[in-house]
Amino acid sequence: MQFLILKVDAVVYLVDAYDKERFAESKKELDALLSDESLATVPFLILGNKIDVPYAASEDELRHFMGLTGLTTGKGKVNLENTSVRPLEVFMCSIVRKMGYGDGFKWVSQYIK
């Protein structure tokens, strides 16, 4: 029997910022990933999508509903070497309008070894 061992360099978690009724479900899934020991040191990029849609959640709302207020590490180049802090940040985006996610991917790329 063969087993495939995968190495995860980063997690990109996409949340529909317009579908507020599913935030609880999305938070439950994110919490499960964040508590997975095999991902304990893996950077997490949370993308809040659909900011182009009226009444979509703001970044502050998304942080609140996902339980991320005060847990993110900063959008700039934050040196987390020799710490036990996992890189974690929220970026708002619109996939359809091709905006926002590029900044998120640039951010997460600085933590991929």
PDB file of N, CA and C in Angstrom:
ATOM      1  N   MET A   1       0.845  -1.178   0.000  1.00  0.00           N
ATOM      2  CA  MET A   1       0.000   0.000   0.000  1.00  0.00           C
ATOM      3  C   MET A   1       0.889   1.240   0.000  1.00  0.00           C
ATOM      4  N   GLN A   2       0.566   2.208  -0.831  1.00  0.00           N
ATOM      5  CA  GLN A   2       1.323   3.448  -0.883  1.00  0.00           C
ATOM      6  C   GLN A   2       0.492   4.590  -0.317  1.00  0.00           C
ATOM      7  N   PHE A   3       1.195   5.492   0.359  1.00  0.00           N
ATOM      8  CA  PHE A   3       0.538   6.678   0.889  1.00  0.00           C
ATOM      9  C   PHE A   3       1.143   7.902   0.223  1.00  0.00           C
ATOM     10  N   LEU A   4       0.321   8.824  -0.086  1.00  0.00           N
ATOM     11  CA  LEU A   4       0.773  10.069  -0.679  1.00  0.00           C
ATOM     12  C   LEU A   4       0.853  11.112   0.433  1.00  0.00           C
ATOM     13  N   ILE A   5       2.025  11.655   0.636  1.00  0.00           N
ATOM     14  CA  ILE A   5       2.205  12.683   1.657  1.00  0.00           C
ATOM     15  C   ILE A   5       2.331  14.018   0.948  1.00  0.00           C
ATOM     16  N   LEU A   6       1.443  14.908   1.274  1.00  0.00           N
ATOM     17  CA  LEU A   6       1.431  16.225   0.644  1.00  0.00           C
ATOM     18  C   LEU A   6       2.004  17.269   1.587  1.00  0.00           C
ATOM     19  N   LYS A   7       2.690  18.217   1.019  1.00  0.00           N
ATOM     20  CA  LYS A   7       3.184  19.349   1.790  1.00  0.00           C
ATOM     21  C   LYS A   7       2.321  20.553   1.414  1.00  0.00           C
ATOM     22  N   VAL A   8       1.780  21.182   2.403  1.00  0.00           N
ATOM     23  CA  VAL A   8       0.951  22.361   2.188  1.00  0.00           C
ATOM     24  C   VAL A   8       1.804  23.588   2.468  1.00  0.00           C
ATOM     25  N   ASP A   9       1.948  24.456   1.460  1.00  0.00           N
ATOM     26  CA  ASP A   9       2.749  25.669   1.619  1.00  0.00           C
ATOM     27  C   ASP A   9       1.932  26.844   2.140  1.00  0.00           C
ATOM     28  N   ALA A  10       0.643  26.857   1.844  1.00  0.00           N
ATOM     29  CA  ALA A  10      -0.241  27.940   2.273  1.00  0.00           C
ATOM     30  C   ALA A  10      -1.679  27.493   2.074  1.00  0.00           C
ATOM     31  N   VAL A  11      -2.574  28.149   2.789  1.00  0.00           N
ATOM     32  CA  VAL A  11      -4.004  27.917   2.610  1.00  0.00           C
ATOM     33  C   VAL A  11      -4.632  29.236   2.170  1.00  0.00           C
ATOM     34  N   VAL A  12      -5.384  29.172   1.081  1.00  0.00           N
ATOM     35  CA  VAL A  12      -6.166  30.316   0.620  1.00  0.00           C
ATOM     36  C   VAL A  12      -7.621  29.942   0.838  1.00  0.00           C
ATOM     37  N   TYR A  13      -8.294  30.687   1.718  1.00  0.00           N
ATOM     38  CA  TYR A  13      -9.664  30.396   2.095  1.00  0.00           C
ATOM     39  C   TYR A  13     -10.560  31.501   1.545  1.00  0.00           C
ATOM     40  N   LEU A  14     -11.450  31.151   0.651  1.00  0.00           N
ATOM     41  CA  LEU A  14     -12.315  32.123  -0.021  1.00  0.00           C
ATOM     42  C   LEU A  14     -13.696  32.140   0.632  1.00  0.00           C
ATOM     43  N   VAL A  15     -14.125  33.333   1.026  1.00  0.00           N
ATOM     44  CA  VAL A  15     -15.430  33.513   1.664  1.00  0.00           C
ATOM     45  C   VAL A  15     -16.281  34.423   0.787  1.00  0.00           C
ATOM     46  N   ASP A  16     -17.515  34.039   0.576  1.00  0.00           N
ATOM     47  CA  ASP A  16     -18.463  34.882  -0.154  1.00  0.00           C
ATOM     48  C   ASP A  16     -18.936  35.977   0.809  1.00  0.00           C
ATOM     49  N   ALA A  17     -18.424  37.181   0.647  1.00  0.00           N
ATOM     50  CA  ALA A  17     -18.740  38.283   1.551  1.00  0.00           C
ATOM     51  C   ALA A  17     -20.180  38.757   1.422  1.00  0.00           C
ATOM     52  N   TYR A  18     -20.849  38.356   0.377  1.00  0.00           N
ATOM     53  CA  TYR A  18     -22.248  38.735   0.188  1.00  0.00           C
ATOM     54  C   TYR A  18     -23.199  37.772   0.889  1.00  0.00           C
ATOM     55  N   ASP A  19     -22.830  36.507   0.997  1.00  0.00           N
ATOM     56  CA  ASP A  19     -23.707  35.466   1.545  1.00  0.00           C
ATOM     57  C   ASP A  19     -23.552  35.367   3.063  1.00  0.00           C
ATOM     58  N   LYS A  20     -24.041  36.393   3.755  1.00  0.00           N
ATOM     59  CA  LYS A  20     -23.879  36.492   5.203  1.00  0.00           C
ATOM     60  C   LYS A  20     -24.585  35.358   5.951  1.00  0.00           C
ATOM     61  N   GLU A  21     -25.615  34.788   5.340  1.00  0.00           N
ATOM     62  CA  GLU A  21     -26.341  33.691   5.988  1.00  0.00           C
ATOM     63  C   GLU A  21     -25.466  32.452   6.161  1.00  0.00           C
ATOM     64  N   ARG A  22     -24.393  32.348   5.385  1.00  0.00           N
ATOM     65  CA  ARG A  22     -23.512  31.170   5.463  1.00  0.00           C
ATOM     66  C   ARG A  22     -22.212  31.451   6.219  1.00  0.00           C
ATOM     67  N   PHE A  23     -22.107  32.630   6.839  1.00  0.00           N
ATOM     68  CA  PHE A  23     -20.893  32.953   7.583  1.00  0.00           C
ATOM     69  C   PHE A  23     -20.629  31.956   8.706  1.00  0.00           C
ATOM     70  N   ALA A  24     -21.663  31.522   9.409  1.00  0.00           N
ATOM     71  CA  ALA A  24     -21.475  30.571  10.518  1.00  0.00           C
ATOM     72  C   ALA A  24     -20.886  29.258   9.995  1.00  0.00           C
ATOM     73  N   GLU A  25     -21.406  28.793   8.885  1.00  0.00           N
ATOM     74  CA  GLU A  25     -20.891  27.566   8.265  1.00  0.00           C
ATOM     75  C   GLU A  25     -19.442  27.754   7.822  1.00  0.00           C
ATOM     76  N   SER A  26     -19.152  28.890   7.213  1.00  0.00           N
ATOM     77  CA  SER A  26     -17.811  29.172   6.750  1.00  0.00           C
ATOM     78  C   SER A  26     -16.834  29.298   7.918  1.00  0.00           C
ATOM     79  N   LYS A  27     -17.277  29.926   9.010  1.00  0.00           N
ATOM     80  CA  LYS A  27     -16.437  30.058  10.201  1.00  0.00           C
ATOM     81  C   LYS A  27     -16.119  28.693  10.787  1.00  0.00           C
ATOM     82  N   LYS A  28     -17.091  27.815  10.813  1.00  0.00           N
ATOM     83  CA  LYS A  28     -16.879  26.464  11.337  1.00  0.00           C
ATOM     84  C   LYS A  28     -15.800  25.735  10.530  1.00  0.00           C
ATOM     85  N   GLU A  29     -15.856  25.846   9.210  1.00  0.00           N
ATOM     86  CA  GLU A  29     -14.870  25.206   8.348  1.00  0.00           C
ATOM     87  C   GLU A  29     -13.483  25.830   8.537  1.00  0.00           C
ATOM     88  N   LEU A  30     -13.434  27.155   8.617  1.00  0.00           N
ATOM     89  CA  LEU A  30     -12.158  27.833   8.815  1.00  0.00           C
ATOM     90  C   LEU A  30     -11.560  27.450  10.168  1.00  0.00           C
ATOM     91  N   ASP A  31     -12.384  27.431  11.202  1.00  0.00           N
ATOM     92  CA  ASP A  31     -11.901  27.045  12.533  1.00  0.00           C
ATOM     93  C   ASP A  31     -11.318  25.636  12.531  1.00  0.00           C
ATOM     94  N   ALA A  32     -11.942  24.725  11.782  1.00  0.00           N
ATOM     95  CA  ALA A  32     -11.433  23.354  11.688  1.00  0.00           C
ATOM     96  C   ALA A  32     -10.054  23.344  11.034  1.00  0.00           C
ATOM     97  N   LEU A  33      -9.884  24.129   9.990  1.00  0.00           N
ATOM     98  CA  LEU A  33      -8.579  24.208   9.326  1.00  0.00           C
ATOM     99  C   LEU A  33      -7.535  24.846  10.236  1.00  0.00           C
ATOM    100  N   LEU A  34      -7.909  25.922  10.907  1.00  0.00           N
ATOM    101  CA  LEU A  34      -6.971  26.619  11.783  1.00  0.00           C
ATOM    102  C   LEU A  34      -6.544  25.767  12.974  1.00  0.00           C
ATOM    103  N   SER A  35      -7.386  24.844  13.389  1.00  0.00           N
ATOM    104  CA  SER A  35      -7.046  23.995  14.535  1.00  0.00           C
ATOM    105  C   SER A  35      -6.374  22.683  14.127  1.00  0.00           C
ATOM    106  N   ASP A  36      -6.221  22.450  12.836  1.00  0.00           N
ATOM    107  CA  ASP A  36      -5.570  21.239  12.348  1.00  0.00           C
ATOM    108  C   ASP A  36      -4.062  21.331  12.632  1.00  0.00           C
ATOM    109  N   GLU A  37      -3.559  20.419  13.442  1.00  0.00           N
ATOM    110  CA  GLU A  37      -2.150  20.437  13.842  1.00  0.00           C
ATOM    111  C   GLU A  37      -1.193  20.380  12.649  1.00  0.00           C
ATOM    112  N   SER A  38      -1.581  19.681  11.590  1.00  0.00           N
ATOM    113  CA  SER A  38      -0.701  19.568  10.428  1.00  0.00           C
ATOM    114  C   SER A  38      -0.574  20.892   9.670  1.00  0.00           C
ATOM    115  N   LEU A  39      -1.448  21.854   9.981  1.00  0.00           N
ATOM    116  CA  LEU A  39      -1.408  23.168   9.332  1.00  0.00           C
ATOM    117  C   LEU A  39      -0.972  24.272  10.299  1.00  0.00           C
ATOM    118  N   ALA A  40      -0.457  23.891  11.454  1.00  0.00           N
ATOM    119  CA  ALA A  40      -0.164  24.840  12.527  1.00  0.00           C
ATOM    120  C   ALA A  40       0.797  25.959  12.137  1.00  0.00           C
ATOM    121  N   THR A  41       1.686  25.704  11.209  1.00  0.00           N
ATOM    122  CA  THR A  41       2.665  26.726  10.822  1.00  0.00           C
ATOM    123  C   THR A  41       2.431  27.263   9.407  1.00  0.00           C
ATOM    124  N   VAL A  42       1.356  26.831   8.790  1.00  0.00           N
ATOM    125  CA  VAL A  42       1.056  27.203   7.402  1.00  0.00           C
ATOM    126  C   VAL A  42       0.386  28.576   7.348  1.00  0.00           C
ATOM    127  N   PRO A  43       0.852  29.472   6.471  1.00  0.00           N
ATOM    128  CA  PRO A  43       0.199  30.772   6.331  1.00  0.00           C
ATOM    129  C   PRO A  43      -1.227  30.629   5.787  1.00  0.00           C
ATOM    130  N   PHE A  44      -2.125  31.463   6.311  1.00  0.00           N
ATOM    131  CA  PHE A  44      -3.520  31.471   5.884  1.00  0.00           C
ATOM    132  C   PHE A  44      -3.863  32.823   5.286  1.00  0.00           C
ATOM    133  N   LEU A  45      -4.337  32.795   4.043  1.00  0.00           N
ATOM    134  CA  LEU A  45      -4.864  33.972   3.371  1.00  0.00           C
ATOM    135  C   LEU A  45      -6.369  33.795   3.277  1.00  0.00           C
ATOM    136  N   ILE A  46      -7.121  34.693   3.895  1.00  0.00           N
ATOM    137  CA  ILE A  46      -8.579  34.653   3.807  1.00  0.00           C
ATOM    138  C   ILE A  46      -9.000  35.753   2.847  1.00  0.00           C
ATOM    139  N   LEU A  47      -9.671  35.349   1.772  1.00  0.00           N
ATOM    140  CA  LEU A  47     -10.161  36.298   0.776  1.00  0.00           C
ATOM    141  C   LEU A  47     -11.663  36.474   0.938  1.00  0.00           C
ATOM    142  N   GLY A  48     -12.095  37.704   1.163  1.00  0.00           N
ATOM    143  CA  GLY A  48     -13.515  38.035   1.200  1.00  0.00           C
ATOM    144  C   GLY A  48     -13.926  38.480  -0.192  1.00  0.00           C
ATOM    145  N   ASN A  49     -14.593  37.608  -0.920  1.00  0.00           N
ATOM    146  CA  ASN A  49     -14.940  37.857  -2.319  1.00  0.00           C
ATOM    147  C   ASN A  49     -16.292  38.558  -2.455  1.00  0.00           C
ATOM    148  N   LYS A  50     -16.513  39.121  -3.614  1.00  0.00           N
ATOM    149  CA  LYS A  50     -17.756  39.776  -4.048  1.00  0.00           C
ATOM    150  C   LYS A  50     -17.936  41.172  -3.454  1.00  0.00           C
ATOM    151  N   ILE A  51     -16.828  41.886  -3.253  1.00  0.00           N
ATOM    152  CA  ILE A  51     -16.955  43.252  -2.740  1.00  0.00           C
ATOM    153  C   ILE A  51     -17.593  44.183  -3.759  1.00  0.00           C
ATOM    154  N   ASP A  52     -17.743  43.695  -4.993  1.00  0.00           N
ATOM    155  CA  ASP A  52     -18.397  44.481  -6.040  1.00  0.00           C
ATOM    156  C   ASP A  52     -19.920  44.423  -5.918  1.00  0.00           C
ATOM    157  N   VAL A  53     -20.437  43.551  -5.073  1.00  0.00           N
ATOM    158  CA  VAL A  53     -21.883  43.383  -4.914  1.00  0.00           C
ATOM    159  C   VAL A  53     -22.372  44.280  -3.772  1.00  0.00           C
ATOM    160  N   PRO A  54     -23.414  45.091  -4.023  1.00  0.00           N
ATOM    161  CA  PRO A  54     -23.946  45.942  -2.951  1.00  0.00           C
ATOM    162  C   PRO A  54     -24.347  45.103  -1.724  1.00  0.00           C
ATOM    163  N   TYR A  55     -24.080  45.639  -0.557  1.00  0.00           N
ATOM    164  CA  TYR A  55     -24.415  45.039   0.736  1.00  0.00           C
ATOM    165  C   TYR A  55     -23.529  43.853   1.114  1.00  0.00           C
ATOM    166  N   ALA A  56     -22.447  43.637   0.376  1.00  0.00           N
ATOM    167  CA  ALA A  56     -21.478  42.620   0.792  1.00  0.00           C
ATOM    168  C   ALA A  56     -20.843  43.100   2.098  1.00  0.00           C
ATOM    169  N   ALA A  57     -20.388  42.166   2.909  1.00  0.00           N
ATOM    170  CA  ALA A  57     -19.771  42.508   4.181  1.00  0.00           C
ATOM    171  C   ALA A  57     -18.497  43.317   3.943  1.00  0.00           C
ATOM    172  N   SER A  58     -18.248  44.235   4.857  1.00  0.00           N
ATOM    173  CA  SER A  58     -16.992  44.983   4.832  1.00  0.00           C
ATOM    174  C   SER A  58     -15.896  44.095   5.426  1.00  0.00           C
ATOM    175  N   GLU A  59     -14.673  44.539   5.321  1.00  0.00           N
ATOM    176  CA  GLU A  59     -13.567  43.764   5.907  1.00  0.00           C
ATOM    177  C   GLU A  59     -13.750  43.624   7.417  1.00  0.00           C
ATOM    178  N   ASP A  60     -14.146  44.700   8.085  1.00  0.00           N
ATOM    179  CA  ASP A  60     -14.358  44.631   9.538  1.00  0.00           C
ATOM    180  C   ASP A  60     -15.471  43.651   9.898  1.00  0.00           C
ATOM    181  N   GLU A  61     -16.556  43.683   9.128  1.00  0.00           N
ATOM    182  CA  GLU A  61     -17.654  42.735   9.373  1.00  0.00           C
ATOM    183  C   GLU A  61     -17.190  41.295   9.189  1.00  0.00           C
ATOM    184  N   LEU A  62     -16.456  41.059   8.124  1.00  0.00           N
ATOM    185  CA  LEU A  62     -15.978  39.709   7.839  1.00  0.00           C
ATOM    186  C   LEU A  62     -15.046  39.226   8.949  1.00  0.00           C
ATOM    187  N   ARG A  63     -14.128  40.082   9.370  1.00  0.00           N
ATOM    188  CA  ARG A  63     -13.231  39.731  10.488  1.00  0.00           C
ATOM    189  C   ARG A  63     -14.042  39.370  11.731  1.00  0.00           C
ATOM    190  N   HIS A  64     -15.060  40.171  12.022  1.00  0.00           N
ATOM    191  CA  HIS A  64     -15.902  39.928  13.200  1.00  0.00           C
ATOM    192  C   HIS A  64     -16.628  38.586  13.102  1.00  0.00           C
ATOM    193  N   PHE A  65     -17.331  38.368  12.009  1.00  0.00           N
ATOM    194  CA  PHE A  65     -18.127  37.145  11.864  1.00  0.00           C
ATOM    195  C   PHE A  65     -17.268  35.880  11.784  1.00  0.00           C
ATOM    196  N   MET A  66     -16.051  36.015  11.270  1.00  0.00           N
ATOM    197  CA  MET A  66     -15.161  34.854  11.154  1.00  0.00           C
ATOM    198  C   MET A  66     -14.294  34.676  12.401  1.00  0.00           C
ATOM    199  N   GLY A  67     -14.467  35.560  13.378  1.00  0.00           N
ATOM    200  CA  GLY A  67     -13.710  35.443  14.632  1.00  0.00           C
ATOM    201  C   GLY A  67     -12.236  35.772  14.473  1.00  0.00           C
ATOM    202  N   LEU A  68     -11.912  36.686  13.567  1.00  0.00           N
ATOM    203  CA  LEU A  68     -10.513  36.992  13.269  1.00  0.00           C
ATOM    204  C   LEU A  68     -10.062  38.349  13.801  1.00  0.00           C
ATOM    205  N   THR A  69     -10.942  39.076  14.463  1.00  0.00           N
ATOM    206  CA  THR A  69     -10.580  40.385  14.989  1.00  0.00           C
ATOM    207  C   THR A  69      -9.436  40.224  15.993  1.00  0.00           C
ATOM    208  N   GLY A  70      -8.351  40.937  15.742  1.00  0.00           N
ATOM    209  CA  GLY A  70      -7.198  40.886  16.635  1.00  0.00           C
ATOM    210  C   GLY A  70      -6.291  39.673  16.441  1.00  0.00           C
ATOM    211  N   LEU A  71      -6.606  38.796  15.482  1.00  0.00           N
ATOM    212  CA  LEU A  71      -5.800  37.596  15.270  1.00  0.00           C
ATOM    213  C   LEU A  71      -4.914  37.658  14.037  1.00  0.00           C
ATOM    214  N   THR A  72      -5.136  38.656  13.190  1.00  0.00           N
ATOM    215  CA  THR A  72      -4.367  38.716  11.953  1.00  0.00           C
ATOM    216  C   THR A  72      -2.996  39.337  12.213  1.00  0.00           C
ATOM    217  N   THR A  73      -2.068  39.093  11.289  1.00  0.00           N
ATOM    218  CA  THR A  73      -0.672  39.463  11.530  1.00  0.00           C
ATOM    219  C   THR A  73      -0.199  40.714  10.810  1.00  0.00           C
ATOM    220  N   GLY A  74      -1.027  41.310   9.986  1.00  0.00           N
ATOM    221  CA  GLY A  74      -0.640  42.543   9.301  1.00  0.00           C
ATOM    222  C   GLY A  74      -0.435  42.342   7.813  1.00  0.00           C
ATOM    223  N   LYS A  75      -0.765  43.360   7.046  1.00  0.00           N
ATOM    224  CA  LYS A  75      -0.725  43.255   5.589  1.00  0.00           C
ATOM    225  C   LYS A  75       0.625  43.594   4.994  1.00  0.00           C
ATOM    226  N   GLY A  76       1.495  44.195   5.746  1.00  0.00           N
ATOM    227  CA  GLY A  76       2.815  44.519   5.227  1.00  0.00           C
ATOM    228  C   GLY A  76       3.734  43.320   5.342  1.00  0.00           C
ATOM    229  N   LYS A  77       5.024  43.570   5.203  1.00  0.00           N
ATOM    230  CA  LYS A  77       6.014  42.515   5.364  1.00  0.00           C
ATOM    231  C   LYS A  77       6.330  42.438   6.854  1.00  0.00           C
ATOM    232  N   VAL A  78       5.723  41.481   7.518  1.00  0.00           N
ATOM    233  CA  VAL A  78       5.900  41.305   8.952  1.00  0.00           C
ATOM    234  C   VAL A  78       6.850  40.130   9.167  1.00  0.00           C
ATOM    235  N   ASN A  79       7.937  40.380   9.859  1.00  0.00           N
ATOM    236  CA  ASN A  79       8.914  39.336  10.112  1.00  0.00           C
ATOM    237  C   ASN A  79       8.421  38.443  11.251  1.00  0.00           C
ATOM    238  N   LEU A  80       8.064  37.220  10.904  1.00  0.00           N
ATOM    239  CA  LEU A  80       7.572  36.266  11.900  1.00  0.00           C
ATOM    240  C   LEU A  80       8.572  35.130  12.114  1.00  0.00           C
ATOM    241  N   GLU A  81       9.788  35.302  11.575  1.00  0.00           N
ATOM    242  CA  GLU A  81      10.835  34.290  11.768  1.00  0.00           C
ATOM    243  C   GLU A  81      11.093  34.113  13.259  1.00  0.00           C
ATOM    244  N   ASN A  82      11.379  32.897  13.628  1.00  0.00           N
ATOM    245  CA  ASN A  82      11.708  32.547  15.016  1.00  0.00           C
ATOM    246  C   ASN A  82      10.582  32.865  15.995  1.00  0.00           C
ATOM    247  N   THR A  83       9.374  32.884  15.504  1.00  0.00           N
ATOM    248  CA  THR A  83       8.204  33.037  16.381  1.00  0.00           C
ATOM    249  C   THR A  83       7.279  31.853  16.123  1.00  0.00           C
ATOM    250  N   SER A  84       6.329  31.681  16.981  1.00  0.00           N
ATOM    251  CA  SER A  84       5.339  30.624  16.771  1.00  0.00           C
ATOM    252  C   SER A  84       4.052  31.191  16.174  1.00  0.00           C
ATOM    253  N   VAL A  85       4.125  32.406  15.667  1.00  0.00           N
ATOM    254  CA  VAL A  85       2.955  33.076  15.107  1.00  0.00           C
ATOM    255  C   VAL A  85       2.750  32.642  13.659  1.00  0.00           C
ATOM    256  N   ARG A  86       1.548  32.174  13.374  1.00  0.00           N
ATOM    257  CA  ARG A  86       1.199  31.775  12.011  1.00  0.00           C
ATOM    258  C   ARG A  86       0.760  33.011  11.224  1.00  0.00           C
ATOM    259  N   PRO A  87       1.314  33.233  10.030  1.00  0.00           N
ATOM    260  CA  PRO A  87       0.843  34.337   9.190  1.00  0.00           C
ATOM    261  C   PRO A  87      -0.638  34.123   8.848  1.00  0.00           C
ATOM    262  N   LEU A  88      -1.436  35.138   9.100  1.00  0.00           N
ATOM    263  CA  LEU A  88      -2.882  35.059   8.892  1.00  0.00           C
ATOM    264  C   LEU A  88      -3.378  36.454   8.559  1.00  0.00           C
ATOM    265  N   GLU A  89      -4.042  36.596   7.416  1.00  0.00           N
ATOM    266  CA  GLU A  89      -4.539  37.924   7.048  1.00  0.00           C
ATOM    267  C   GLU A  89      -5.769  37.825   6.161  1.00  0.00           C
ATOM    268  N   VAL A  90      -6.568  38.890   6.199  1.00  0.00           N
ATOM    269  CA  VAL A  90      -7.798  39.011   5.409  1.00  0.00           C
ATOM    270  C   VAL A  90      -7.591  40.069   4.335  1.00  0.00           C
ATOM    271  N   PHE A  91      -7.961  39.724   3.115  1.00  0.00           N
ATOM    272  CA  PHE A  91      -7.958  40.681   2.010  1.00  0.00           C
ATOM    273  C   PHE A  91      -9.326  40.603   1.339  1.00  0.00           C
ATOM    274  N   MET A  92      -9.894  41.734   1.057  1.00  0.00           N
ATOM    275  CA  MET A  92     -11.175  41.782   0.367  1.00  0.00           C
ATOM    276  C   MET A  92     -10.913  41.858  -1.128  1.00  0.00           C
ATOM    277  N   CYS A  93     -11.788  41.197  -1.902  1.00  0.00           N
ATOM    278  CA  CYS A  93     -11.529  41.127  -3.336  1.00  0.00           C
ATOM    279  C   CYS A  93     -12.817  40.989  -4.138  1.00  0.00           C
ATOM    280  N   SER A  94     -12.642  41.110  -5.428  1.00  0.00           N
ATOM    281  CA  SER A  94     -13.683  40.796  -6.389  1.00  0.00           C
ATOM    282  C   SER A  94     -13.020  39.996  -7.497  1.00  0.00           C
ATOM    283  N   ILE A  95     -13.301  38.720  -7.535  1.00  0.00           N
ATOM    284  CA  ILE A  95     -12.725  37.871  -8.580  1.00  0.00           C
ATOM    285  C   ILE A  95     -13.221  38.334  -9.949  1.00  0.00           C
ATOM    286  N   VAL A  96     -14.504  38.655 -10.041  1.00  0.00           N
ATOM    287  CA  VAL A  96     -15.100  39.089 -11.312  1.00  0.00           C
ATOM    288  C   VAL A  96     -14.448  40.375 -11.824  1.00  0.00           C
ATOM    289  N   ARG A  97     -14.203  41.312 -10.935  1.00  0.00           N
ATOM    290  CA  ARG A  97     -13.600  42.595 -11.327  1.00  0.00           C
ATOM    291  C   ARG A  97     -12.068  42.565 -11.296  1.00  0.00           C
ATOM    292  N   LYS A  98     -11.519  41.418 -10.958  1.00  0.00           N
ATOM    293  CA  LYS A  98     -10.058  41.222 -10.930  1.00  0.00           C
ATOM    294  C   LYS A  98      -9.376  42.245 -10.036  1.00  0.00           C
ATOM    295  N   MET A  99      -9.845  42.347  -8.790  1.00  0.00           N
ATOM    296  CA  MET A  99      -9.255  43.300  -7.860  1.00  0.00           C
ATOM    297  C   MET A  99      -9.122  42.715  -6.464  1.00  0.00           C
ATOM    298  N   GLY A 100      -8.050  43.079  -5.794  1.00  0.00           N
ATOM    299  CA  GLY A 100      -7.864  42.719  -4.397  1.00  0.00           C
ATOM    300  C   GLY A 100      -7.106  41.435  -4.138  1.00  0.00           C
ATOM    301  N   TYR A 101      -7.382  40.399  -4.900  1.00  0.00           N
ATOM    302  CA  TYR A 101      -6.752  39.117  -4.601  1.00  0.00           C
ATOM    303  C   TYR A 101      -5.265  39.106  -4.920  1.00  0.00           C
ATOM    304  N   GLY A 102      -4.824  39.938  -5.854  1.00  0.00           N
ATOM    305  CA  GLY A 102      -3.400  40.026  -6.176  1.00  0.00           C
ATOM    306  C   GLY A 102      -2.589  40.453  -4.966  1.00  0.00           C
ATOM    307  N   ASP A 103      -3.115  41.430  -4.224  1.00  0.00           N
ATOM    308  CA  ASP A 103      -2.432  41.877  -3.007  1.00  0.00           C
ATOM    309  C   ASP A 103      -2.363  40.741  -1.992  1.00  0.00           C
ATOM    310  N   GLY A 104      -3.426  39.966  -1.907  1.00  0.00           N
ATOM    311  CA  GLY A 104      -3.438  38.832  -0.992  1.00  0.00           C
ATOM    312  C   GLY A 104      -2.410  37.784  -1.360  1.00  0.00           C
ATOM    313  N   PHE A 105      -2.320  37.464  -2.644  1.00  0.00           N
ATOM    314  CA  PHE A 105      -1.346  36.466  -3.076  1.00  0.00           C
ATOM    315  C   PHE A 105       0.088  36.969  -2.921  1.00  0.00           C
ATOM    316  N   LYS A 106       0.310  38.264  -3.144  1.00  0.00           N
ATOM    317  CA  LYS A 106       1.644  38.834  -2.898  1.00  0.00           C
ATOM    318  C   LYS A 106       1.987  38.708  -1.423  1.00  0.00           C
ATOM    319  N   TRP A 107       1.012  39.009  -0.562  1.00  0.00           N
ATOM    320  CA  TRP A 107       1.237  38.914   0.881  1.00  0.00           C
ATOM    321  C   TRP A 107       1.610  37.491   1.282  1.00  0.00           C
ATOM    322  N   VAL A 108       0.811  36.514   0.864  1.00  0.00           N
ATOM    323  CA  VAL A 108       1.058  35.133   1.293  1.00  0.00           C
ATOM    324  C   VAL A 108       2.356  34.581   0.702  1.00  0.00           C
ATOM    325  N   SER A 109       2.740  35.049  -0.474  1.00  0.00           N
ATOM    326  CA  SER A 109       3.950  34.521  -1.112  1.00  0.00           C
ATOM    327  C   SER A 109       5.214  34.811  -0.314  1.00  0.00           C
ATOM    328  N   GLN A 110       5.216  35.877   0.484  1.00  0.00           N
ATOM    329  CA  GLN A 110       6.401  36.197   1.277  1.00  0.00           C
ATOM    330  C   GLN A 110       6.642  35.199   2.407  1.00  0.00           C
ATOM    331  N   TYR A 111       5.627  34.399   2.718  1.00  0.00           N
ATOM    332  CA  TYR A 111       5.761  33.425   3.807  1.00  0.00           C
ATOM    333  C   TYR A 111       5.954  31.988   3.316  1.00  0.00           C
ATOM    334  N   ILE A 112       5.935  31.807   2.018  1.00  0.00           N
ATOM    335  CA  ILE A 112       6.117  30.446   1.467  1.00  0.00           C
ATOM    336  C   ILE A 112       7.613  30.194   1.312  1.00  0.00           C
ATOM    337  N   LYS A 113       8.043  29.088   1.878  1.00  0.00           N
ATOM    338  CA  LYS A 113       9.480  28.767   1.845  1.00  0.00           C
ATOM    339  C   LYS A 113       9.785  27.788   0.747  1.00  0.00           C
TER     340      LYS A 113
END
